[in-house]
């Protein structure tokens, strides 16, 4: 029996840091992280959305809830488009 020897790791070309910035998954993940950081900051430091109707009844909703709704929708869109795996050989 014979074995196949593999090339050492040093023989493979290393990718430059600038080529690593072109990875779409990196930017999609960063965008999702920033969206949820905005939710956290808004939840901590944001005010409430206060409504008062004509009858005098009032309600308060934390503004972080509204921002979280839009962050959820944004996460869904960014994940579908930025993390989609497509074959570059397809024509």
N, C-alpha and C. Protein backbone atom coordinates (compact mmCIF):
# COMPACT_ATOMS: atom_id res chain seq x y z
N UNK A 1 0.83 -1.17 0.00
CA UNK A 1 0.00 0.00 0.00
C UNK A 1 0.88 1.24 0.00
N UNK A 2 0.38 2.23 -0.65
CA UNK A 2 1.12 3.49 -0.67
C UNK A 2 0.24 4.60 -0.12
N UNK A 3 0.86 5.63 0.35
CA UNK A 3 0.12 6.76 0.88
C UNK A 3 0.39 7.98 0.02
N UNK A 4 -0.53 8.88 0.02
CA UNK A 4 -0.38 10.12 -0.74
C UNK A 4 0.08 11.20 0.22
N UNK A 5 1.18 11.80 -0.11
CA UNK A 5 1.67 12.88 0.75
C UNK A 5 1.03 14.20 0.32
N UNK A 6 0.71 15.00 1.29
CA UNK A 6 0.10 16.30 1.02
C UNK A 6 1.18 17.36 0.99
N UNK A 7 0.89 18.44 0.27
CA UNK A 7 1.84 19.54 0.22
C UNK A 7 1.83 20.25 1.56
N UNK A 8 2.95 20.76 1.95
CA UNK A 8 2.98 21.50 3.22
C UNK A 8 2.18 22.80 3.08
N UNK A 9 1.72 23.30 4.21
CA UNK A 9 0.92 24.51 4.21
C UNK A 9 1.69 25.72 3.68
N UNK A 10 2.98 25.73 3.83
CA UNK A 10 3.78 26.87 3.38
C UNK A 10 3.79 26.99 1.86
N UNK A 11 3.51 25.90 1.17
CA UNK A 11 3.52 25.95 -0.29
C UNK A 11 2.27 26.60 -0.86
N UNK A 12 1.20 26.64 -0.08
CA UNK A 12 -0.03 27.25 -0.55
C UNK A 12 0.06 28.77 -0.39
N UNK A 13 -0.39 29.50 -1.39
CA UNK A 13 -0.31 30.95 -1.27
C UNK A 13 -1.26 31.47 -0.19
N UNK A 14 -0.79 32.42 0.58
CA UNK A 14 -1.60 33.02 1.63
C UNK A 14 -2.41 34.17 1.05
N UNK A 15 -3.63 34.28 1.51
CA UNK A 15 -4.47 35.37 1.04
C UNK A 15 -4.10 36.64 1.78
N UNK A 16 -4.07 37.73 1.07
CA UNK A 16 -3.78 39.02 1.67
C UNK A 16 -5.00 39.49 2.46
N UNK A 17 -4.78 40.38 3.41
CA UNK A 17 -5.88 40.88 4.22
C UNK A 17 -6.87 41.67 3.38
N UNK A 18 -6.40 42.31 2.33
CA UNK A 18 -7.31 43.09 1.50
C UNK A 18 -8.25 42.18 0.71
N UNK A 19 -7.82 40.98 0.36
CA UNK A 19 -8.71 40.06 -0.34
C UNK A 19 -9.73 39.44 0.62
N UNK A 20 -9.40 39.40 1.89
CA UNK A 20 -10.35 38.88 2.87
C UNK A 20 -11.49 39.85 3.10
N UNK A 21 -11.29 41.13 2.83
CA UNK A 21 -12.35 42.12 3.01
C UNK A 21 -13.42 42.03 1.93
N UNK A 22 -13.14 41.31 0.86
CA UNK A 22 -14.08 41.18 -0.24
C UNK A 22 -15.07 40.03 -0.03
N UNK A 23 -15.02 39.38 1.11
CA UNK A 23 -15.91 38.25 1.39
C UNK A 23 -17.29 38.80 1.78
N UNK A 24 -18.34 38.47 1.01
CA UNK A 24 -19.67 39.02 1.30
C UNK A 24 -20.23 38.58 2.65
N UNK A 25 -19.88 37.38 3.09
CA UNK A 25 -20.39 36.90 4.37
C UNK A 25 -19.90 37.75 5.53
N UNK A 26 -18.69 38.30 5.40
CA UNK A 26 -18.15 39.16 6.44
C UNK A 26 -19.01 40.41 6.60
N UNK A 27 -19.34 41.04 5.49
CA UNK A 27 -20.12 42.28 5.54
C UNK A 27 -21.56 42.02 5.94
N UNK A 28 -22.11 40.91 5.53
CA UNK A 28 -23.48 40.59 5.94
C UNK A 28 -23.54 40.35 7.45
N UNK A 29 -22.57 39.63 7.97
CA UNK A 29 -22.53 39.38 9.41
C UNK A 29 -22.30 40.66 10.20
N UNK A 30 -21.45 41.53 9.69
CA UNK A 30 -21.19 42.82 10.36
C UNK A 30 -22.45 43.69 10.35
N UNK A 31 -23.18 43.69 9.25
CA UNK A 31 -24.41 44.48 9.17
C UNK A 31 -25.46 43.98 10.16
N UNK A 32 -25.58 42.67 10.28
CA UNK A 32 -26.54 42.10 11.23
C UNK A 32 -26.13 42.44 12.66
N UNK A 33 -24.84 42.34 12.96
CA UNK A 33 -24.37 42.67 14.31
C UNK A 33 -24.64 44.13 14.65
N UNK A 34 -24.41 45.03 13.70
CA UNK A 34 -24.64 46.45 13.95
C UNK A 34 -26.12 46.73 14.17
N UNK A 35 -26.99 46.04 13.43
CA UNK A 35 -28.43 46.23 13.64
C UNK A 35 -28.83 45.88 15.06
N UNK A 36 -28.33 44.77 15.57
CA UNK A 36 -28.73 44.35 16.90
C UNK A 36 -28.02 45.15 17.99
N UNK A 37 -26.86 45.69 17.70
CA UNK A 37 -26.23 46.61 18.65
C UNK A 37 -27.06 47.88 18.75
N UNK A 38 -27.62 48.33 17.62
CA UNK A 38 -28.51 49.50 17.64
C UNK A 38 -29.76 49.22 18.48
N UNK A 39 -30.26 47.99 18.43
CA UNK A 39 -31.41 47.62 19.26
C UNK A 39 -31.05 47.71 20.74
N UNK A 40 -29.88 47.21 21.09
CA UNK A 40 -29.45 47.24 22.49
C UNK A 40 -29.28 48.67 22.98
N UNK A 41 -28.62 49.50 22.17
CA UNK A 41 -28.39 50.89 22.56
C UNK A 41 -29.71 51.64 22.68
N UNK A 42 -30.62 51.42 21.74
CA UNK A 42 -31.92 52.09 21.79
C UNK A 42 -32.73 51.61 22.99
N UNK A 43 -32.63 50.34 23.31
CA UNK A 43 -33.38 49.82 24.46
C UNK A 43 -32.87 50.40 25.77
N UNK A 44 -31.57 50.64 25.85
CA UNK A 44 -31.00 51.17 27.09
C UNK A 44 -31.21 52.67 27.19
N UNK A 45 -30.88 53.40 26.13
CA UNK A 45 -30.87 54.86 26.20
C UNK A 45 -32.08 55.52 25.55
N UNK A 46 -32.85 54.80 24.79
CA UNK A 46 -33.99 55.39 24.10
C UNK A 46 -35.17 55.62 25.02
N UNK A 47 -36.02 56.51 24.63
CA UNK A 47 -37.20 56.80 25.44
C UNK A 47 -38.35 55.88 25.09
N UNK A 48 -39.51 56.25 25.58
CA UNK A 48 -40.72 55.50 25.31
C UNK A 48 -41.56 56.23 24.26
N UNK A 49 -42.36 55.47 23.55
CA UNK A 49 -43.34 56.05 22.63
C UNK A 49 -44.64 56.14 23.42
N UNK A 50 -45.05 57.36 23.73
CA UNK A 50 -46.24 57.58 24.55
C UNK A 50 -47.39 58.00 23.66
N UNK A 51 -48.55 57.37 23.84
CA UNK A 51 -49.75 57.75 23.10
C UNK A 51 -50.87 58.03 24.09
N UNK A 52 -51.66 59.05 23.79
CA UNK A 52 -52.82 59.39 24.60
C UNK A 52 -53.99 59.57 23.65
N UNK A 53 -55.07 58.84 23.90
CA UNK A 53 -56.23 58.97 23.02
C UNK A 53 -57.19 60.03 23.56
N UNK A 54 -58.26 60.26 22.82
CA UNK A 54 -59.20 61.32 23.18
C UNK A 54 -59.91 61.05 24.51
N UNK A 55 -60.04 59.80 24.88
CA UNK A 55 -60.71 59.45 26.13
C UNK A 55 -59.83 59.62 27.34
N UNK A 56 -58.54 59.88 27.13
CA UNK A 56 -57.63 60.08 28.25
C UNK A 56 -56.78 58.87 28.58
N UNK A 57 -57.03 57.75 27.92
CA UNK A 57 -56.23 56.56 28.17
C UNK A 57 -54.86 56.72 27.52
N UNK A 58 -53.84 56.27 28.19
CA UNK A 58 -52.49 56.41 27.64
C UNK A 58 -51.77 55.07 27.66
N UNK A 59 -50.78 54.96 26.80
CA UNK A 59 -49.96 53.75 26.78
C UNK A 59 -48.53 54.14 26.42
N UNK A 60 -47.61 53.40 26.95
CA UNK A 60 -46.19 53.61 26.69
C UNK A 60 -45.60 52.33 26.11
N UNK A 61 -44.85 52.48 25.02
CA UNK A 61 -44.15 51.36 24.41
C UNK A 61 -42.68 51.73 24.32
N UNK A 62 -41.79 50.90 24.82
CA UNK A 62 -40.37 51.22 24.69
C UNK A 62 -39.97 51.31 23.21
N UNK A 63 -39.15 52.30 22.90
CA UNK A 63 -38.75 52.48 21.50
C UNK A 63 -37.89 51.33 21.00
N UNK A 64 -37.26 50.59 21.89
CA UNK A 64 -36.47 49.43 21.50
C UNK A 64 -37.30 48.34 20.85
N UNK A 65 -38.59 48.28 21.18
CA UNK A 65 -39.47 47.28 20.58
C UNK A 65 -39.64 47.56 19.09
N UNK A 66 -39.85 48.82 18.75
CA UNK A 66 -40.03 49.20 17.35
C UNK A 66 -38.73 48.99 16.57
N UNK A 67 -37.61 49.37 17.16
CA UNK A 67 -36.32 49.18 16.50
C UNK A 67 -36.01 47.70 16.33
N UNK A 68 -36.38 46.88 17.31
CA UNK A 68 -36.17 45.43 17.22
C UNK A 68 -36.99 44.82 16.09
N UNK A 69 -38.20 45.34 15.87
CA UNK A 69 -39.02 44.84 14.77
C UNK A 69 -38.33 45.09 13.44
N UNK A 70 -37.84 46.31 13.25
CA UNK A 70 -37.15 46.61 12.00
C UNK A 70 -35.81 45.90 11.89
N UNK A 71 -35.12 45.68 13.01
CA UNK A 71 -33.87 44.92 12.98
C UNK A 71 -34.13 43.47 12.60
N UNK A 72 -35.23 42.91 13.06
CA UNK A 72 -35.59 41.55 12.68
C UNK A 72 -35.83 41.45 11.18
N UNK A 73 -36.61 42.41 10.65
CA UNK A 73 -36.87 42.39 9.21
C UNK A 73 -35.58 42.63 8.42
N UNK A 74 -34.74 43.54 8.89
CA UNK A 74 -33.46 43.80 8.22
C UNK A 74 -32.53 42.61 8.28
N UNK A 75 -32.52 41.91 9.41
CA UNK A 75 -31.70 40.71 9.54
C UNK A 75 -32.14 39.65 8.55
N UNK A 76 -33.42 39.50 8.40
CA UNK A 76 -33.96 38.51 7.47
C UNK A 76 -33.53 38.82 6.05
N UNK A 77 -33.65 40.08 5.64
CA UNK A 77 -33.28 40.48 4.28
C UNK A 77 -31.78 40.34 4.05
N UNK A 78 -30.97 40.82 4.98
CA UNK A 78 -29.52 40.75 4.81
C UNK A 78 -29.05 39.30 4.82
N UNK A 79 -29.61 38.47 5.67
CA UNK A 79 -29.21 37.07 5.72
C UNK A 79 -29.56 36.34 4.43
N UNK A 80 -30.72 36.64 3.87
CA UNK A 80 -31.10 35.98 2.61
C UNK A 80 -30.22 36.40 1.46
N UNK A 81 -29.86 37.67 1.40
CA UNK A 81 -29.08 38.14 0.25
C UNK A 81 -27.58 38.03 0.47
N UNK A 82 -27.11 38.30 1.66
CA UNK A 82 -25.67 38.32 1.90
C UNK A 82 -25.07 36.98 2.23
N UNK A 83 -25.86 36.07 2.77
CA UNK A 83 -25.33 34.77 3.16
C UNK A 83 -25.75 33.66 2.22
N UNK A 84 -26.31 34.04 1.08
CA UNK A 84 -26.73 33.06 0.08
C UNK A 84 -25.49 32.49 -0.61
N UNK A 85 -25.44 31.18 -0.73
CA UNK A 85 -24.34 30.52 -1.42
C UNK A 85 -24.77 30.24 -2.86
N UNK A 86 -24.08 30.83 -3.81
CA UNK A 86 -24.36 30.58 -5.22
C UNK A 86 -23.10 30.05 -5.87
N UNK A 87 -23.30 29.25 -6.90
CA UNK A 87 -22.17 28.74 -7.67
C UNK A 87 -21.73 29.80 -8.66
N UNK A 88 -20.46 30.11 -8.65
CA UNK A 88 -19.95 31.11 -9.56
C UNK A 88 -19.81 30.56 -10.99
N UNK A 89 -19.91 29.22 -11.12
CA UNK A 89 -19.78 28.59 -12.45
C UNK A 89 -21.11 28.54 -13.18
N UNK A 90 -22.22 28.84 -12.49
CA UNK A 90 -23.52 28.82 -13.16
C UNK A 90 -23.62 29.99 -14.13
N UNK A 91 -24.19 29.73 -15.30
CA UNK A 91 -24.36 30.81 -16.25
C UNK A 91 -25.80 31.05 -16.53
